[in-house]
Amino acid sequence: MLKRLGVYLTRWWIVAASTILIGLVLCWALLAQSGSPGKRVIVRGAGTTILEGGTGSPDFIPVLTQVAFHVEIVDGAVIGNFECLALAPPKATGATSGDFNTNVMYVTGAVQSVAIDGDTIRIAGGSDCTGIGAGSNVPFSAEIQRGGPGASVVLTAGTTQQVFRETLLNGLFEIVGQPPAGTRANFISPRFSRPGAIMLRP
């Protein structure tokens, strides 16, 4: 009798342990899918753009850029990065004029504020910049239109705070969520907004 009772108890513990283990696995899977409750992706995107007017008069050398960004809200704080690499041909005309292999400017920045207005994403922060407008801890801001090819990027960057107007050729800029109350901020100071011609010199 005692032996039979021991067998039943053993089987009961095996079933109970298996049930608990399955429950823990399911909970872990659900948490993994939903992500951390303190972390929310707000915007993200990547793609290739072309700079309007290229380097400008008199050469009008075309410039392609590789743009990538993401912004998250982590425990109420804005966390994110913005990358923009501008490439141009080494010559204005000739056999290599279509080779976009010359790094004319690179902006890498930490996003410190984000705002969403309809289909428009506004981000800003501090950046390190090489090439045109090179410097460290340089303010940058970007106004990005949500969408695929044809969407726009207006980047203000560099120590001279030049304005770069770009059109997306391939890729996607997404609005995934909305910033919680208290994270919306003025994304650009008026003293950094200087529209005008863009002159790049490789």
N, C-alpha and C. Protein backbone atom coordinates (compact mmCIF):
# COMPACT_ATOMS: atom_id res chain seq x y z
N MET A 1 0.83 -1.21 0.00
CA MET A 1 0.00 0.00 0.00
C MET A 1 0.86 1.26 0.00
N LEU A 2 1.87 1.23 0.90
CA LEU A 2 2.76 2.38 0.96
C LEU A 2 3.53 2.55 -0.34
N LYS A 3 3.91 1.43 -0.94
CA LYS A 3 4.64 1.48 -2.21
C LYS A 3 3.79 2.11 -3.30
N ARG A 4 2.49 1.68 -3.34
CA ARG A 4 1.57 2.23 -4.35
C ARG A 4 1.36 3.73 -4.12
N LEU A 5 1.24 4.13 -2.85
CA LEU A 5 1.07 5.55 -2.52
C LEU A 5 2.29 6.35 -2.96
N GLY A 6 3.47 5.76 -2.77
CA GLY A 6 4.70 6.43 -3.18
C GLY A 6 4.76 6.62 -4.68
N VAL A 7 4.28 5.63 -5.43
CA VAL A 7 4.25 5.75 -6.89
C VAL A 7 3.32 6.87 -7.31
N TYR A 8 2.12 6.91 -6.66
CA TYR A 8 1.17 7.97 -6.98
C TYR A 8 1.74 9.35 -6.69
N LEU A 9 2.40 9.49 -5.55
CA LEU A 9 2.99 10.78 -5.18
C LEU A 9 4.08 11.19 -6.16
N THR A 10 4.89 10.20 -6.55
CA THR A 10 5.95 10.49 -7.52
C THR A 10 5.36 10.99 -8.82
N ARG A 11 4.32 10.28 -9.31
CA ARG A 11 3.68 10.69 -10.55
C ARG A 11 3.06 12.08 -10.41
N TRP A 12 2.44 12.36 -9.25
CA TRP A 12 1.82 13.67 -9.03
C TRP A 12 2.85 14.78 -9.07
N TRP A 13 4.02 14.55 -8.46
CA TRP A 13 5.08 15.55 -8.47
C TRP A 13 5.62 15.76 -9.87
N ILE A 14 5.72 14.70 -10.66
CA ILE A 14 6.20 14.83 -12.04
C ILE A 14 5.22 15.68 -12.86
N VAL A 15 3.90 15.40 -12.70
CA VAL A 15 2.88 16.17 -13.43
C VAL A 15 2.90 17.63 -12.99
N ALA A 16 2.99 17.86 -11.68
CA ALA A 16 2.99 19.23 -11.16
C ALA A 16 4.22 20.00 -11.63
N ALA A 17 5.38 19.37 -11.57
CA ALA A 17 6.61 20.03 -12.00
C ALA A 17 6.57 20.33 -13.48
N SER A 18 6.03 19.39 -14.27
CA SER A 18 5.93 19.60 -15.71
C SER A 18 4.99 20.77 -16.02
N THR A 19 3.87 20.84 -15.30
CA THR A 19 2.90 21.92 -15.50
C THR A 19 3.53 23.27 -15.17
N ILE A 20 4.25 23.33 -14.05
CA ILE A 20 4.90 24.58 -13.65
C ILE A 20 5.94 24.99 -14.68
N LEU A 21 6.72 24.01 -15.15
CA LEU A 21 7.76 24.30 -16.14
C LEU A 21 7.16 24.83 -17.43
N ILE A 22 6.09 24.19 -17.90
CA ILE A 22 5.42 24.66 -19.13
C ILE A 22 4.88 26.07 -18.94
N GLY A 23 4.29 26.33 -17.76
CA GLY A 23 3.78 27.67 -17.48
C GLY A 23 4.87 28.72 -17.50
N LEU A 24 6.02 28.39 -16.91
CA LEU A 24 7.14 29.34 -16.91
C LEU A 24 7.65 29.60 -18.32
N VAL A 25 7.73 28.56 -19.14
CA VAL A 25 8.18 28.72 -20.52
C VAL A 25 7.23 29.61 -21.30
N LEU A 26 5.91 29.40 -21.12
CA LEU A 26 4.93 30.23 -21.82
C LEU A 26 5.01 31.69 -21.37
N CYS A 27 5.17 31.90 -20.07
CA CYS A 27 5.31 33.28 -19.56
C CYS A 27 6.54 33.95 -20.14
N TRP A 28 7.64 33.21 -20.18
CA TRP A 28 8.89 33.76 -20.75
C TRP A 28 8.71 34.12 -22.21
N ALA A 29 8.01 33.26 -22.97
CA ALA A 29 7.79 33.51 -24.39
C ALA A 29 6.94 34.75 -24.60
N LEU A 30 5.89 34.91 -23.76
CA LEU A 30 5.03 36.09 -23.88
C LEU A 30 5.79 37.36 -23.55
N LEU A 31 6.62 37.30 -22.52
CA LEU A 31 7.42 38.48 -22.15
C LEU A 31 8.42 38.82 -23.24
N ALA A 32 9.01 37.79 -23.85
CA ALA A 32 9.98 38.03 -24.92
C ALA A 32 9.32 38.69 -26.11
N GLN A 33 8.07 38.33 -26.41
CA GLN A 33 7.37 38.92 -27.54
C GLN A 33 6.95 40.34 -27.26
N SER A 34 6.50 40.60 -26.04
CA SER A 34 6.00 41.93 -25.71
C SER A 34 7.11 42.91 -25.38
N GLY A 35 8.32 42.40 -25.03
CA GLY A 35 9.43 43.27 -24.69
C GLY A 35 9.31 43.77 -23.27
N SER A 36 10.32 44.51 -22.87
CA SER A 36 10.32 45.07 -21.52
C SER A 36 9.23 46.11 -21.37
N PRO A 37 8.43 46.07 -20.27
CA PRO A 37 7.34 47.03 -20.11
C PRO A 37 7.85 48.47 -20.01
N GLY A 38 9.14 48.67 -19.68
CA GLY A 38 9.69 50.01 -19.56
C GLY A 38 10.33 50.51 -20.84
N LYS A 39 10.21 49.75 -21.92
CA LYS A 39 10.88 50.12 -23.17
C LYS A 39 9.88 50.14 -24.31
N ARG A 40 9.84 51.26 -25.07
CA ARG A 40 8.92 51.39 -26.20
C ARG A 40 9.66 51.98 -27.39
N VAL A 41 9.60 51.29 -28.53
CA VAL A 41 10.16 51.84 -29.76
C VAL A 41 9.18 52.87 -30.30
N ILE A 42 9.68 54.07 -30.63
CA ILE A 42 8.83 55.16 -31.11
C ILE A 42 8.97 55.32 -32.62
N VAL A 43 10.19 55.51 -33.10
CA VAL A 43 10.43 55.65 -34.54
C VAL A 43 11.69 54.89 -34.93
N ARG A 44 11.77 54.51 -36.20
CA ARG A 44 12.96 53.84 -36.71
C ARG A 44 12.95 53.90 -38.23
N GLY A 45 14.12 53.71 -38.81
CA GLY A 45 14.17 53.71 -40.26
C GLY A 45 15.59 53.65 -40.78
N ALA A 46 15.70 53.35 -42.07
CA ALA A 46 17.01 53.31 -42.72
C ALA A 46 16.78 53.34 -44.22
N GLY A 47 17.75 53.90 -44.93
CA GLY A 47 17.65 53.92 -46.38
C GLY A 47 18.70 54.79 -47.02
N THR A 48 18.63 54.85 -48.35
CA THR A 48 19.53 55.67 -49.14
C THR A 48 18.78 56.89 -49.65
N THR A 49 19.37 58.07 -49.48
CA THR A 49 18.75 59.30 -49.96
C THR A 49 19.69 59.99 -50.95
N ILE A 50 19.11 60.92 -51.71
CA ILE A 50 19.91 61.77 -52.59
C ILE A 50 19.74 63.21 -52.12
N LEU A 51 20.84 63.94 -52.10
CA LEU A 51 20.84 65.32 -51.63
C LEU A 51 20.36 66.25 -52.74
N GLU A 52 19.39 67.07 -52.44
CA GLU A 52 18.86 68.00 -53.44
C GLU A 52 19.95 68.97 -53.88
N GLY A 53 20.21 69.02 -55.19
CA GLY A 53 21.21 69.95 -55.72
C GLY A 53 22.63 69.49 -55.57
N GLY A 54 22.85 68.34 -54.95
CA GLY A 54 24.21 67.85 -54.77
C GLY A 54 25.08 68.85 -54.04
N THR A 55 26.28 69.07 -54.55
CA THR A 55 27.22 70.01 -53.92
C THR A 55 26.90 71.46 -54.26
N GLY A 56 25.91 71.67 -55.13
CA GLY A 56 25.54 73.04 -55.47
C GLY A 56 26.40 73.62 -56.58
N SER A 57 26.10 74.85 -56.93
CA SER A 57 26.81 75.54 -58.01
C SER A 57 28.28 75.79 -57.62
N PRO A 58 29.23 75.69 -58.55
CA PRO A 58 29.02 75.48 -59.99
C PRO A 58 29.15 74.01 -60.42
N ASP A 59 29.55 73.10 -59.50
CA ASP A 59 29.89 71.74 -59.91
C ASP A 59 28.68 70.81 -59.97
N PHE A 60 27.76 70.97 -59.01
CA PHE A 60 26.59 70.10 -58.91
C PHE A 60 26.98 68.62 -58.94
N ILE A 61 27.95 68.27 -58.10
CA ILE A 61 28.34 66.86 -57.96
C ILE A 61 27.25 66.16 -57.14
N PRO A 62 26.73 65.03 -57.62
CA PRO A 62 25.66 64.35 -56.87
C PRO A 62 26.19 63.78 -55.55
N VAL A 63 25.31 63.73 -54.57
CA VAL A 63 25.67 63.19 -53.25
C VAL A 63 24.57 62.22 -52.82
N LEU A 64 24.96 61.00 -52.49
CA LEU A 64 24.06 60.01 -51.90
C LEU A 64 24.38 59.87 -50.42
N THR A 65 23.37 59.65 -49.61
CA THR A 65 23.60 59.46 -48.19
C THR A 65 22.96 58.15 -47.72
N GLN A 66 23.58 57.57 -46.72
CA GLN A 66 23.03 56.40 -46.03
C GLN A 66 22.53 56.89 -44.68
N VAL A 67 21.23 56.80 -44.47
CA VAL A 67 20.61 57.32 -43.25
C VAL A 67 20.02 56.16 -42.45
N ALA A 68 20.24 56.19 -41.14
CA ALA A 68 19.63 55.19 -40.25
C ALA A 68 19.36 55.85 -38.90
N PHE A 69 18.24 55.49 -38.29
CA PHE A 69 17.90 56.06 -36.98
C PHE A 69 16.94 55.15 -36.24
N HIS A 70 16.93 55.31 -34.93
CA HIS A 70 15.92 54.67 -34.09
C HIS A 70 15.81 55.46 -32.81
N VAL A 71 14.59 55.53 -32.28
CA VAL A 71 14.35 56.22 -31.01
C VAL A 71 13.45 55.34 -30.16
N GLU A 72 13.82 55.18 -28.91
CA GLU A 72 13.04 54.40 -27.96
C GLU A 72 12.81 55.23 -26.70
N ILE A 73 11.75 54.93 -26.01
CA ILE A 73 11.52 55.50 -24.68
C ILE A 73 11.79 54.39 -23.68
N VAL A 74 12.81 54.58 -22.86
CA VAL A 74 13.20 53.59 -21.86
C VAL A 74 13.02 54.21 -20.48
N ASP A 75 12.04 53.69 -19.74
CA ASP A 75 11.74 54.20 -18.40
C ASP A 75 11.55 55.72 -18.41
N GLY A 76 10.86 56.21 -19.43
CA GLY A 76 10.53 57.64 -19.50
C GLY A 76 11.59 58.51 -20.14
N ALA A 77 12.75 57.94 -20.49
CA ALA A 77 13.83 58.72 -21.09
C ALA A 77 13.95 58.41 -22.58
N VAL A 78 14.31 59.44 -23.36
CA VAL A 78 14.50 59.27 -24.79
C VAL A 78 15.89 58.67 -25.06
N ILE A 79 15.92 57.53 -25.74
CA ILE A 79 17.16 56.85 -26.08
C ILE A 79 17.15 56.57 -27.58
N GLY A 80 18.23 56.90 -28.27
CA GLY A 80 18.26 56.60 -29.69
C GLY A 80 19.53 57.09 -30.36
N ASN A 81 19.65 56.77 -31.64
CA ASN A 81 20.81 57.17 -32.44
C ASN A 81 20.38 57.60 -33.83
N PHE A 82 21.20 58.47 -34.42
CA PHE A 82 20.99 58.91 -35.79
C PHE A 82 22.32 58.82 -36.52
N GLU A 83 22.30 58.26 -37.72
CA GLU A 83 23.51 58.11 -38.52
C GLU A 83 23.25 58.65 -39.93
N CYS A 84 24.18 59.41 -40.46
CA CYS A 84 24.07 59.88 -41.83
C CYS A 84 25.47 59.95 -42.45
N LEU A 85 25.70 59.12 -43.46
CA LEU A 85 26.98 59.08 -44.17
C LEU A 85 26.75 59.60 -45.58
N ALA A 86 27.43 60.70 -45.95
CA ALA A 86 27.30 61.30 -47.27
C ALA A 86 28.47 60.88 -48.16
N LEU A 87 28.14 60.32 -49.31
CA LEU A 87 29.14 59.85 -50.25
C LEU A 87 28.99 60.57 -51.59
N ALA A 88 30.13 60.91 -52.21
CA ALA A 88 30.13 61.60 -53.50
C ALA A 88 31.18 60.98 -54.40
N PRO A 89 31.05 61.15 -55.72
CA PRO A 89 32.09 60.66 -56.63
C PRO A 89 33.37 61.48 -56.47
N PRO A 90 34.53 60.90 -56.80
CA PRO A 90 35.79 61.64 -56.68
C PRO A 90 35.93 62.75 -57.73
N LYS A 91 35.17 62.64 -58.85
CA LYS A 91 35.25 63.64 -59.91
C LYS A 91 33.86 64.00 -60.38
N ALA A 92 33.74 65.23 -60.91
CA ALA A 92 32.44 65.71 -61.38
C ALA A 92 32.03 65.07 -62.70
N THR A 93 32.99 64.74 -63.53
CA THR A 93 32.70 64.12 -64.83
C THR A 93 33.72 63.02 -65.10
N GLY A 94 33.43 62.20 -66.11
CA GLY A 94 34.37 61.16 -66.49
C GLY A 94 33.98 59.79 -65.98
N ALA A 95 34.93 58.87 -66.13
CA ALA A 95 34.65 57.45 -65.87
C ALA A 95 34.26 57.16 -64.42
N THR A 96 34.78 57.93 -63.46
CA THR A 96 34.51 57.65 -62.05
C THR A 96 33.45 58.59 -61.45
N SER A 97 32.80 59.38 -62.30
CA SER A 97 31.86 60.38 -61.79
C SER A 97 30.58 59.75 -61.24
N GLY A 98 30.40 58.45 -61.49
CA GLY A 98 29.24 57.75 -60.94
C GLY A 98 29.59 56.83 -59.80
N ASP A 99 30.83 56.88 -59.34
CA ASP A 99 31.28 56.05 -58.22
C ASP A 99 31.16 56.82 -56.91
N PHE A 100 30.19 56.46 -56.12
CA PHE A 100 29.96 57.17 -54.84
C PHE A 100 30.81 56.50 -53.76
N ASN A 101 32.09 56.85 -53.75
CA ASN A 101 33.03 56.20 -52.83
C ASN A 101 33.88 57.18 -52.04
N THR A 102 33.53 58.47 -52.08
CA THR A 102 34.27 59.48 -51.34
C THR A 102 33.43 59.97 -50.16
N ASN A 103 33.95 59.77 -48.96
CA ASN A 103 33.25 60.19 -47.75
C ASN A 103 33.41 61.70 -47.58
N VAL A 104 32.32 62.45 -47.79
CA VAL A 104 32.41 63.91 -47.66
C VAL A 104 31.88 64.40 -46.31
N MET A 105 31.05 63.57 -45.65
CA MET A 105 30.52 63.99 -44.35
C MET A 105 29.90 62.79 -43.64
N TYR A 106 30.12 62.72 -42.34
CA TYR A 106 29.51 61.67 -41.53
C TYR A 106 29.02 62.28 -40.23
N VAL A 107 27.74 62.11 -39.96
CA VAL A 107 27.13 62.61 -38.72
C VAL A 107 26.64 61.41 -37.92
N THR A 108 27.12 61.26 -36.71
CA THR A 108 26.65 60.22 -35.81
C THR A 108 26.22 60.87 -34.50
N GLY A 109 24.97 60.72 -34.16
CA GLY A 109 24.45 61.46 -33.02
C GLY A 109 23.61 60.64 -32.08
N ALA A 110 23.57 61.07 -30.83
CA ALA A 110 22.69 60.49 -29.81
C ALA A 110 21.43 61.32 -29.74
N VAL A 111 20.29 60.68 -29.95
CA VAL A 111 19.01 61.39 -29.92
C VAL A 111 18.63 61.72 -28.49
N GLN A 112 18.28 62.99 -28.27
CA GLN A 112 17.91 63.45 -26.92
C GLN A 112 16.47 63.92 -26.83
N SER A 113 15.81 64.13 -27.97
CA SER A 113 14.41 64.52 -27.95
C SER A 113 13.72 64.02 -29.21
N VAL A 114 12.42 63.77 -29.09
CA VAL A 114 11.63 63.29 -30.23
C VAL A 114 10.25 63.91 -30.16
N ALA A 115 9.70 64.25 -31.32
CA ALA A 115 8.34 64.76 -31.41
C ALA A 115 7.73 64.22 -32.70
N ILE A 116 6.44 63.91 -32.65
CA ILE A 116 5.74 63.39 -33.81
C ILE A 116 4.54 64.28 -34.09
N ASP A 117 4.43 64.74 -35.33
CA ASP A 117 3.32 65.59 -35.74
C ASP A 117 2.75 65.01 -37.03
N GLY A 118 1.70 64.21 -36.91
CA GLY A 118 1.15 63.55 -38.08
C GLY A 118 2.15 62.55 -38.65
N ASP A 119 2.57 62.78 -39.91
CA ASP A 119 3.56 61.91 -40.56
C ASP A 119 4.97 62.44 -40.42
N THR A 120 5.16 63.47 -39.61
CA THR A 120 6.48 64.09 -39.48
C THR A 120 7.14 63.71 -38.15
N ILE A 121 8.38 63.25 -38.26
CA ILE A 121 9.19 62.90 -37.09
C ILE A 121 10.24 63.98 -36.90
N ARG A 122 10.37 64.48 -35.70
CA ARG A 122 11.41 65.47 -35.39
C ARG A 122 12.28 64.92 -34.26
N ILE A 123 13.57 64.80 -34.55
CA ILE A 123 14.50 64.34 -33.53
C ILE A 123 15.67 65.32 -33.44
N ALA A 124 16.32 65.34 -32.30
CA ALA A 124 17.46 66.23 -32.11
C ALA A 124 18.35 65.69 -31.01
N GLY A 125 19.59 66.18 -31.01
CA GLY A 125 20.53 65.77 -29.98
C GLY A 125 21.91 66.32 -30.25
N GLY A 126 22.92 65.64 -29.73
CA GLY A 126 24.30 66.04 -29.95
C GLY A 126 24.99 65.02 -30.83
N SER A 127 25.97 65.48 -31.62
CA SER A 127 26.60 64.56 -32.58
C SER A 127 28.09 64.81 -32.70
N ASP A 128 28.75 63.82 -33.26
CA ASP A 128 30.13 63.97 -33.74
C ASP A 128 30.06 63.99 -35.25
N CYS A 129 30.80 64.88 -35.85
CA CYS A 129 30.71 65.09 -37.29
C CYS A 129 32.12 65.10 -37.89
N THR A 130 32.30 64.38 -39.01
CA THR A 130 33.56 64.41 -39.74
C THR A 130 33.31 64.93 -41.15
N GLY A 131 34.38 65.36 -41.80
CA GLY A 131 34.23 65.91 -43.14
C GLY A 131 33.68 67.32 -43.07
N ILE A 132 32.66 67.62 -43.87
CA ILE A 132 32.03 68.94 -43.86
C ILE A 132 31.48 69.23 -42.47
N GLY A 133 31.81 70.37 -41.91
CA GLY A 133 31.29 70.76 -40.60
C GLY A 133 31.81 69.94 -39.45
N ALA A 134 33.02 69.41 -39.57
CA ALA A 134 33.57 68.51 -38.56
C ALA A 134 33.61 69.15 -37.18
N GLY A 135 33.32 68.34 -36.17
CA GLY A 135 33.37 68.80 -34.80
C GLY A 135 32.79 67.77 -33.85
N SER A 136 33.03 67.96 -32.56
CA SER A 136 32.51 67.08 -31.53
C SER A 136 31.44 67.78 -30.71
N ASN A 137 30.48 67.01 -30.23
CA ASN A 137 29.38 67.55 -29.43
C ASN A 137 28.68 68.69 -30.17
N VAL A 138 28.39 68.44 -31.45
CA VAL A 138 27.74 69.43 -32.30
C VAL A 138 26.23 69.16 -32.32
N PRO A 139 25.40 70.16 -32.10
CA PRO A 139 23.95 69.93 -32.17
C PRO A 139 23.53 69.47 -33.56
N PHE A 140 22.56 68.60 -33.60
CA PHE A 140 21.95 68.22 -34.88
C PHE A 140 20.45 68.11 -34.68
N SER A 141 19.70 68.26 -35.77
CA SER A 141 18.27 68.00 -35.75
C SER A 141 17.88 67.44 -37.10
N ALA A 142 16.83 66.65 -37.11
CA ALA A 142 16.35 66.06 -38.35
C ALA A 142 14.83 66.05 -38.35
N GLU A 143 14.27 66.52 -39.45
CA GLU A 143 12.83 66.44 -39.68
C GLU A 143 12.61 65.39 -40.76
N ILE A 144 11.96 64.30 -40.41
CA ILE A 144 11.86 63.12 -41.26
C ILE A 144 10.40 62.84 -41.56
N GLN A 145 10.09 62.65 -42.84
CA GLN A 145 8.74 62.30 -43.25
C GLN A 145 8.59 60.79 -43.27
N ARG A 146 7.54 60.30 -42.65
CA ARG A 146 7.28 58.87 -42.65
C ARG A 146 6.99 58.36 -44.05
N GLY A 147 7.52 57.16 -44.38
CA GLY A 147 7.19 56.55 -45.66
C GLY A 147 8.38 55.89 -46.32
N GLY A 148 8.15 55.43 -47.55
CA GLY A 148 9.17 54.79 -48.34
C GLY A 148 9.77 55.76 -49.35
N PRO A 149 10.21 55.26 -50.52
CA PRO A 149 10.82 56.13 -51.52
C PRO A 149 9.98 57.37 -51.82
N GLY A 150 10.63 58.51 -51.82
CA GLY A 150 9.94 59.79 -51.99
C GLY A 150 9.80 60.55 -50.69
N ALA A 151 9.92 59.86 -49.54
CA ALA A 151 9.88 60.55 -48.25
C ALA A 151 11.10 61.46 -48.13
N SER A 152 11.02 62.43 -47.24
CA SER A 152 12.08 63.44 -47.16
C SER A 152 12.76 63.45 -45.80
N VAL A 153 13.99 63.96 -45.82
CA VAL A 153 14.77 64.20 -44.62
C VAL A 153 15.35 65.61 -44.73
N VAL A 154 15.16 66.43 -43.70
CA VAL A 154 15.81 67.73 -43.63
C VAL A 154 16.72 67.69 -42.40
N LEU A 155 18.01 67.60 -42.66
CA LEU A 155 19.01 67.47 -41.60
C LEU A 155 19.73 68.79 -41.39
N THR A 156 19.80 69.23 -40.17
CA THR A 156 20.60 70.40 -39.80
C THR A 156 21.75 69.90 -38.94
N ALA A 157 22.99 70.07 -39.44
CA ALA A 157 24.13 69.46 -38.74
C ALA A 157 25.41 70.20 -39.07
N GLY A 158 26.46 69.84 -38.33
CA GLY A 158 27.78 70.43 -38.55
C GLY A 158 28.01 71.66 -37.69
N THR A 159 29.28 72.01 -37.54
CA THR A 159 29.61 73.17 -36.71
C THR A 159 29.05 74.46 -37.28
N THR A 160 28.85 74.51 -38.60
CA THR A 160 28.26 75.70 -39.23
C THR A 160 26.75 75.57 -39.37
N GLN A 161 26.18 74.46 -38.85
CA GLN A 161 24.74 74.21 -38.87
C GLN A 161 24.14 74.43 -40.26
N GLN A 162 24.62 73.65 -41.21
CA GLN A 162 24.06 73.68 -42.56
C GLN A 162 22.80 72.83 -42.63
N VAL A 163 21.94 73.17 -43.59
CA VAL A 163 20.68 72.45 -43.78
C VAL A 163 20.79 71.58 -45.02
N PHE A 164 20.55 70.28 -44.87
CA PHE A 164 20.66 69.32 -45.96
C PHE A 164 19.28 68.74 -46.25
N ARG A 165 18.80 68.95 -47.46
CA ARG A 165 17.47 68.46 -47.85
C ARG A 165 17.65 67.22 -48.72
N GLU A 166 17.06 66.12 -48.27
CA GLU A 166 17.30 64.83 -48.91
C GLU A 166 15.97 64.14 -49.25
N THR A 167 16.01 63.32 -50.29
CA THR A 167 14.84 62.53 -50.70
C THR A 167 15.20 61.05 -50.66
N LEU A 168 14.34 60.24 -50.04
CA LEU A 168 14.59 58.82 -49.89
C LEU A 168 14.42 58.10 -51.23
N LEU A 169 15.45 57.36 -51.63
CA LEU A 169 15.41 56.57 -52.87
C LEU A 169 14.97 55.14 -52.60
N ASN A 170 15.47 54.54 -51.53
CA ASN A 170 15.02 53.22 -51.13
C ASN A 170 15.18 53.08 -49.62
N GLY A 171 14.30 52.31 -49.03
CA GLY A 171 14.30 52.16 -47.58
C GLY A 171 12.94 52.50 -47.01
N LEU A 172 12.87 52.69 -45.72
CA LEU A 172 11.59 52.96 -45.05
C LEU A 172 11.83 53.71 -43.75
N PHE A 173 11.02 54.75 -43.52
CA PHE A 173 11.01 55.50 -42.26
C PHE A 173 9.67 55.23 -41.59
N GLU A 174 9.71 54.73 -40.34
CA GLU A 174 8.50 54.28 -39.67
C GLU A 174 8.22 55.05 -38.38
N ILE A 175 6.93 55.25 -38.11
CA ILE A 175 6.46 55.69 -36.79
C ILE A 175 5.80 54.48 -36.15
N VAL A 176 6.40 53.97 -35.09
CA VAL A 176 5.94 52.74 -34.46
C VAL A 176 4.98 53.03 -33.31
N GLY A 177 5.23 54.12 -32.58
CA GLY A 177 4.39 54.48 -31.45
C GLY A 177 4.43 55.97 -31.21
N GLN A 178 3.81 56.40 -30.14
CA GLN A 178 3.77 57.81 -29.78
C GLN A 178 4.53 58.02 -28.47
N PRO A 179 5.27 59.14 -28.35
CA PRO A 179 5.96 59.40 -27.08
C PRO A 179 4.96 59.62 -25.95
N PRO A 180 5.20 59.04 -24.79
CA PRO A 180 4.32 59.29 -23.65
C PRO A 180 4.37 60.76 -23.25
N ALA A 181 3.36 61.19 -22.52
CA ALA A 181 3.32 62.57 -22.04
C ALA A 181 4.56 62.86 -21.21
N GLY A 182 5.14 64.02 -21.45
CA GLY A 182 6.33 64.41 -20.69
C GLY A 182 7.62 64.20 -21.44
N THR A 183 7.58 63.46 -22.58
CA THR A 183 8.81 63.24 -23.35
C THR A 183 8.87 64.14 -24.58
N ARG A 184 7.75 64.76 -24.94
CA ARG A 184 7.72 65.65 -26.10
C ARG A 184 8.48 66.93 -25.76
N ALA A 185 9.35 67.35 -26.68
CA ALA A 185 10.20 68.51 -26.40
C ALA A 185 10.39 69.33 -27.66
N ASN A 186 10.76 70.60 -27.51
CA ASN A 186 11.14 71.40 -28.66
C ASN A 186 12.41 70.80 -29.23
N PHE A 187 12.36 70.41 -30.51
CA PHE A 187 13.45 69.63 -31.05
C PHE A 187 14.57 70.48 -31.61
N ILE A 188 14.36 71.78 -31.79
CA ILE A 188 15.40 72.60 -32.39
C ILE A 188 15.34 74.02 -31.86
N SER A 189 16.47 74.57 -31.58
CA SER A 189 16.54 75.95 -31.13
C SER A 189 16.54 76.87 -32.35
N PRO A 190 15.83 78.01 -32.30
CA PRO A 190 15.78 78.91 -33.44
C PRO A 190 17.17 79.33 -33.92
N ARG A 191 18.16 79.40 -33.05
CA ARG A 191 19.47 79.86 -33.47
C ARG A 191 20.20 78.83 -34.33
N PHE A 192 19.69 77.58 -34.35
CA PHE A 192 20.29 76.56 -35.19
C PHE A 192 19.55 76.38 -36.52
N SER A 193 18.44 77.09 -36.71
CA SER A 193 17.66 76.95 -37.93
C SER A 193 18.09 78.01 -38.93
N ARG A 194 18.93 77.61 -39.89
CA ARG A 194 19.46 78.57 -40.87
C ARG A 194 19.26 78.00 -42.27
N PRO A 195 18.04 78.16 -42.83
CA PRO A 195 17.83 77.65 -44.18
C PRO A 195 18.69 78.40 -45.19
N GLY A 196 18.99 77.73 -46.27
CA GLY A 196 19.80 78.38 -47.30
C GLY A 196 20.48 77.35 -48.19
N ALA A 197 21.32 77.81 -49.07
CA ALA A 197 22.00 76.91 -50.00
C ALA A 197 22.96 76.00 -49.24
N ILE A 198 23.10 74.80 -49.76
CA ILE A 198 24.03 73.83 -49.20
C ILE A 198 25.21 73.71 -50.11
N MET A 199 26.38 73.96 -49.60
CA MET A 199 27.59 73.87 -50.41
C MET A 199 28.49 72.80 -49.82
N LEU A 200 28.62 71.68 -50.49
CA LEU A 200 29.53 70.62 -50.06
C LEU A 200 30.77 70.68 -50.93
N ARG A 201 31.90 70.53 -50.30
CA ARG A 201 33.15 70.50 -51.06
C ARG A 201 33.95 69.28 -50.64
N PRO A 202 33.95 68.21 -51.47
CA PRO A 202 34.69 67.01 -51.10
C PRO A 202 36.16 67.30 -50.87
